[in-house]
Amino acid sequence: TAYGLIFIITLWLTEQVAIAKIPINNWTWILAILAADLSYYWMHRVEHKVRFFWTIHSVHHSSTEFDLTTGLRLAWLESLFEWIFFVPMVLIGFDLVQTTVSIVIVVAYQTWIHTKHINKLSWLDSVFNTPSNHRVHHGSNTEYIDKNFGGILMVWDHLFGTYQAERKPVIYGLTKNIGTSNPIKINFYEWISIYKDLRNKKTIGEKLHCLISPP
């Protein structure tokens, strides 16, 4: 799609001004996937903590159900902005193809974790993003909000203090659910909300705060 091309083109332009060039071999493939997973962690965390980005990402959390179709519930405008978070990878020298493939691996891994039918997996839950960990991430329970941002590994969540094990039944959806399955309303509900709030702000500072403050 055109949005996907924006993702590729912007990273290609970044590659032209990279400060180094990392060779492609078996070891750098491992490093690239780790770097993509770390970049994904911070992208995901920012999408929850900064209202402008939550306006986009909230689409993925809008379902009150949790199954494989939830993984496909993505905002139409995500690719317009998500490339920003992978610029550092390319700047430090990872090849565009290696970077893109690594991102795809991180995203593709998460397909199987959107399910209620796989129980906790013992020690694996502490290391990897599993269905149990991702159920927590999709919970609107107070103790589950803004937890478990990792794509493949939970290492980043342990390291940065955002890990939460599944301890009680998960209540899926938003803290204030939209109450519709209309894809147009789901995709633009938060945009309309943020527009209304911005319209009521008087100064540039107040408007900026509205965009970057937690949702």
Protein backbone atom coordinates (compact mmCIF):
# COMPACT_ATOMS: atom_id res chain seq x y z
CA THR A 1 0.00 0.00 0.00
CA ALA A 2 0.94 3.66 -0.23
CA TYR A 3 1.40 3.82 3.55
CA GLY A 4 3.77 0.85 3.43
CA LEU A 5 5.80 2.64 0.77
CA ILE A 6 6.11 5.65 3.08
CA PHE A 7 7.62 3.33 5.70
CA ILE A 8 10.18 1.95 3.23
CA ILE A 9 10.99 5.25 1.50
CA THR A 10 11.62 7.15 4.75
CA LEU A 11 13.97 4.44 6.02
CA TRP A 12 15.73 4.35 2.64
CA LEU A 13 16.30 8.11 2.85
CA THR A 14 17.64 7.63 6.37
CA GLU A 15 20.05 4.99 5.08
CA GLN A 16 21.68 7.60 2.83
CA VAL A 17 22.90 9.52 5.88
CA ALA A 18 23.74 6.55 8.13
CA ILE A 19 26.81 7.12 10.30
CA ALA A 20 28.10 3.56 9.78
CA LYS A 21 27.44 0.41 7.76
CA ILE A 22 27.02 -2.89 9.58
CA PRO A 23 27.93 -5.95 7.48
CA ILE A 24 25.27 -8.60 6.88
CA ASN A 25 26.09 -11.99 8.39
CA ASN A 26 24.57 -14.52 10.78
CA TRP A 27 25.59 -12.55 13.88
CA THR A 28 24.27 -9.22 12.62
CA TRP A 29 20.96 -10.84 11.74
CA ILE A 30 20.61 -11.79 15.39
CA LEU A 31 21.62 -8.27 16.44
CA ALA A 32 19.19 -6.74 13.93
CA ILE A 33 16.26 -8.74 15.29
CA LEU A 34 17.21 -7.76 18.85
CA ALA A 35 17.52 -4.10 17.78
CA ALA A 36 14.14 -4.26 16.02
CA ASP A 37 12.57 -5.81 19.10
CA LEU A 38 14.02 -3.10 21.34
CA SER A 39 12.86 -0.41 18.91
CA TYR A 40 9.43 -2.02 18.84
CA TYR A 41 9.31 -1.96 22.65
CA TRP A 42 9.90 1.80 22.75
CA MET A 43 7.53 2.46 19.87
CA HIS A 44 4.84 0.43 21.62
CA ARG A 45 5.46 2.15 24.94
CA VAL A 46 5.30 5.63 23.38
CA GLU A 47 2.07 4.65 21.61
CA HIS A 48 0.55 4.06 25.05
CA LYS A 49 2.12 7.02 26.85
CA VAL A 50 1.76 9.85 24.30
CA ARG A 51 -1.80 10.77 23.42
CA PHE A 52 -1.14 11.58 19.75
CA PHE A 53 0.24 8.08 19.14
CA TRP A 54 -2.43 6.47 21.33
CA THR A 55 -5.00 8.03 19.02
CA ILE A 56 -3.67 5.64 16.38
CA HIS A 57 -2.78 2.60 18.48
CA SER A 58 -6.03 2.57 20.47
CA VAL A 59 -7.68 0.96 17.44
CA HIS A 60 -5.79 -2.26 18.23
CA HIS A 61 -7.06 -2.20 21.83
CA SER A 62 -10.66 -1.34 21.03
CA SER A 63 -11.95 -4.91 20.89
CA THR A 64 -13.59 -6.33 24.01
CA GLU A 65 -12.79 -9.80 22.65
CA PHE A 66 -9.33 -11.36 22.47
CA ASP A 67 -8.62 -13.79 19.65
CA LEU A 68 -6.56 -14.05 16.46
CA THR A 69 -8.71 -11.41 14.74
CA THR A 70 -7.62 -8.91 17.40
CA GLY A 71 -4.11 -9.07 15.96
CA LEU A 72 -5.51 -7.86 12.63
CA ARG A 73 -7.33 -4.89 14.15
CA LEU A 74 -4.79 -2.22 13.21
CA ALA A 75 -5.20 1.48 12.56
CA TRP A 76 -5.25 2.58 8.94
CA LEU A 77 -2.76 5.38 9.63
CA GLU A 78 -0.11 3.47 11.62
CA SER A 79 2.50 3.25 8.84
CA LEU A 80 2.44 7.02 8.45
CA PHE A 81 4.18 7.39 11.80
CA GLU A 82 5.69 4.13 13.03
CA TRP A 83 8.75 4.36 10.77
CA ILE A 84 10.03 7.13 13.06
CA PHE A 85 10.92 4.61 15.77
CA PHE A 86 13.14 2.52 13.50
CA VAL A 87 15.24 5.41 12.20
CA PRO A 88 17.94 4.85 14.89
CA MET A 89 18.49 1.28 13.64
CA VAL A 90 19.21 2.50 10.13
CA LEU A 91 21.25 5.48 11.31
CA ILE A 92 23.68 3.27 13.24
CA GLY A 93 24.26 1.14 10.16
CA PHE A 94 21.76 -1.67 9.80
CA ASP A 95 20.92 -2.33 6.15
CA LEU A 96 17.44 -1.31 4.99
CA VAL A 97 16.51 -4.85 3.93
CA GLN A 98 17.87 -6.33 7.16
CA THR A 99 16.00 -3.73 9.20
CA THR A 100 12.73 -4.25 7.34
CA VAL A 101 12.89 -8.05 7.53
CA SER A 102 13.71 -7.87 11.24
CA ILE A 103 10.68 -5.64 11.86
CA VAL A 104 8.49 -8.09 9.94
CA ILE A 105 9.83 -10.97 12.07
CA VAL A 106 9.00 -9.10 15.28
CA VAL A 107 5.48 -8.31 14.08
CA ALA A 108 4.85 -11.77 12.56
CA TYR A 109 5.89 -13.47 15.81
CA GLN A 110 2.98 -11.80 17.58
CA THR A 111 0.32 -13.43 15.40
CA TRP A 112 -0.07 -16.47 17.66
CA ILE A 113 -0.22 -14.62 20.99
CA HIS A 114 -3.72 -13.17 20.51
CA THR A 115 -5.58 -16.08 22.08
CA LYS A 116 -7.29 -17.08 25.33
CA HIS A 117 -6.87 -20.78 24.58
CA ILE A 118 -3.19 -21.15 25.50
CA ASN A 119 -2.59 -21.09 29.24
CA LYS A 120 0.47 -19.80 31.06
CA LEU A 121 3.71 -21.37 29.85
CA SER A 122 5.83 -21.53 32.99
CA TRP A 123 9.32 -19.95 32.66
CA LEU A 124 8.69 -19.07 29.01
CA ASP A 125 6.34 -16.31 30.19
CA SER A 126 9.28 -14.60 31.90
CA VAL A 127 11.40 -14.59 28.75
CA PHE A 128 9.10 -14.36 25.74
CA ASN A 129 5.95 -12.52 24.75
CA THR A 130 3.37 -15.27 25.22
CA PRO A 131 -0.43 -15.35 25.09
CA SER A 132 -0.49 -14.88 28.87
CA ASN A 133 1.74 -11.81 28.72
CA HIS A 134 -0.20 -10.33 25.83
CA ARG A 135 -3.54 -10.91 27.52
CA VAL A 136 -2.20 -8.71 30.30
CA HIS A 137 -1.18 -6.09 27.76
CA HIS A 138 -4.73 -5.97 26.38
CA GLY A 139 -6.30 -5.73 29.81
CA SER A 140 -8.12 -2.64 31.03
CA ASN A 141 -7.71 -3.79 34.65
CA THR A 142 -5.89 -1.08 36.59
CA GLU A 143 -2.86 -3.25 37.35
CA TYR A 144 -2.58 -4.37 33.70
CA ILE A 145 -2.65 -0.97 31.99
CA ASP A 146 0.59 -0.04 30.17
CA LYS A 147 2.33 -3.35 30.79
CA ASN A 148 4.21 -5.90 28.63
CA PHE A 149 5.22 -3.83 25.60
CA GLY A 150 7.81 -6.25 24.18
CA GLY A 151 7.35 -7.76 20.73
CA ILE A 152 9.23 -11.05 21.05
CA LEU A 153 11.12 -10.73 24.33
CA MET A 154 9.96 -9.73 27.79
CA VAL A 155 13.57 -8.81 28.65
CA TRP A 156 12.90 -5.15 27.84
CA ASP A 157 9.86 -5.04 30.14
CA HIS A 158 11.84 -6.56 32.99
CA LEU A 159 14.69 -4.13 32.31
CA PHE A 160 12.53 -1.01 32.13
CA GLY A 161 9.99 -1.91 34.81
CA THR A 162 6.89 -2.59 32.72
CA TYR A 163 6.51 -6.36 33.17
CA GLN A 164 3.35 -7.74 34.75
CA ALA A 165 2.44 -11.41 35.07
CA GLU A 166 -1.14 -12.56 34.53
CA ARG A 167 -2.62 -12.96 38.02
CA LYS A 168 -6.36 -12.40 37.66
CA PRO A 169 -8.95 -12.61 34.85
CA VAL A 170 -8.40 -9.99 32.16
CA ILE A 171 -11.03 -7.41 31.22
CA TYR A 172 -10.38 -6.69 27.55
CA GLY A 173 -10.90 -3.43 25.71
CA LEU A 174 -10.45 0.22 26.57
CA THR A 175 -11.09 1.82 29.95
CA LYS A 176 -13.97 3.51 28.16
CA ASN A 177 -15.18 1.30 25.34
CA ILE A 178 -16.42 2.73 22.05
CA GLY A 179 -19.35 0.32 21.75
CA THR A 180 -19.28 -0.18 17.98
CA SER A 181 -17.81 -2.50 15.36
CA ASN A 182 -17.92 0.13 12.63
CA PRO A 183 -14.33 0.32 11.30
CA ILE A 184 -14.65 4.01 10.35
CA LYS A 185 -15.84 4.97 13.82
CA ILE A 186 -13.17 2.79 15.46
CA ASN A 187 -10.39 4.38 13.40
CA PHE A 188 -11.48 7.98 13.90
CA TYR A 189 -13.12 7.99 17.35
CA GLU A 190 -9.95 9.13 19.15
CA TRP A 191 -9.08 11.63 16.40
CA ILE A 192 -12.43 13.33 16.92
CA SER A 193 -11.90 13.27 20.69
CA ILE A 194 -8.45 14.86 20.48
CA TYR A 195 -9.73 17.46 17.99
CA LYS A 196 -12.47 18.51 20.40
CA ASP A 197 -9.96 18.83 23.25
CA LEU A 198 -7.49 20.81 21.11
CA ARG A 199 -10.26 23.19 20.05
CA ASN A 200 -10.86 24.06 23.70
CA LYS A 201 -7.20 24.81 24.46
CA LYS A 202 -6.23 28.48 24.34
CA THR A 203 -2.45 28.53 23.99
CA ILE A 204 0.12 26.66 21.89
CA GLY A 205 1.54 25.23 25.10
CA GLU A 206 -1.82 23.86 26.16
CA LYS A 207 -2.39 22.34 22.72
CA LEU A 208 1.07 20.74 22.72
CA HIS A 209 0.49 19.35 26.19
CA CYS A 210 -2.78 17.86 24.98
CA LEU A 211 -0.93 16.04 22.19
CA ILE A 212 1.98 14.68 24.18
CA SER A 213 0.46 14.02 27.62
CA PRO A 214 -0.62 10.47 28.55
CA PRO A 215 -4.07 9.53 27.24
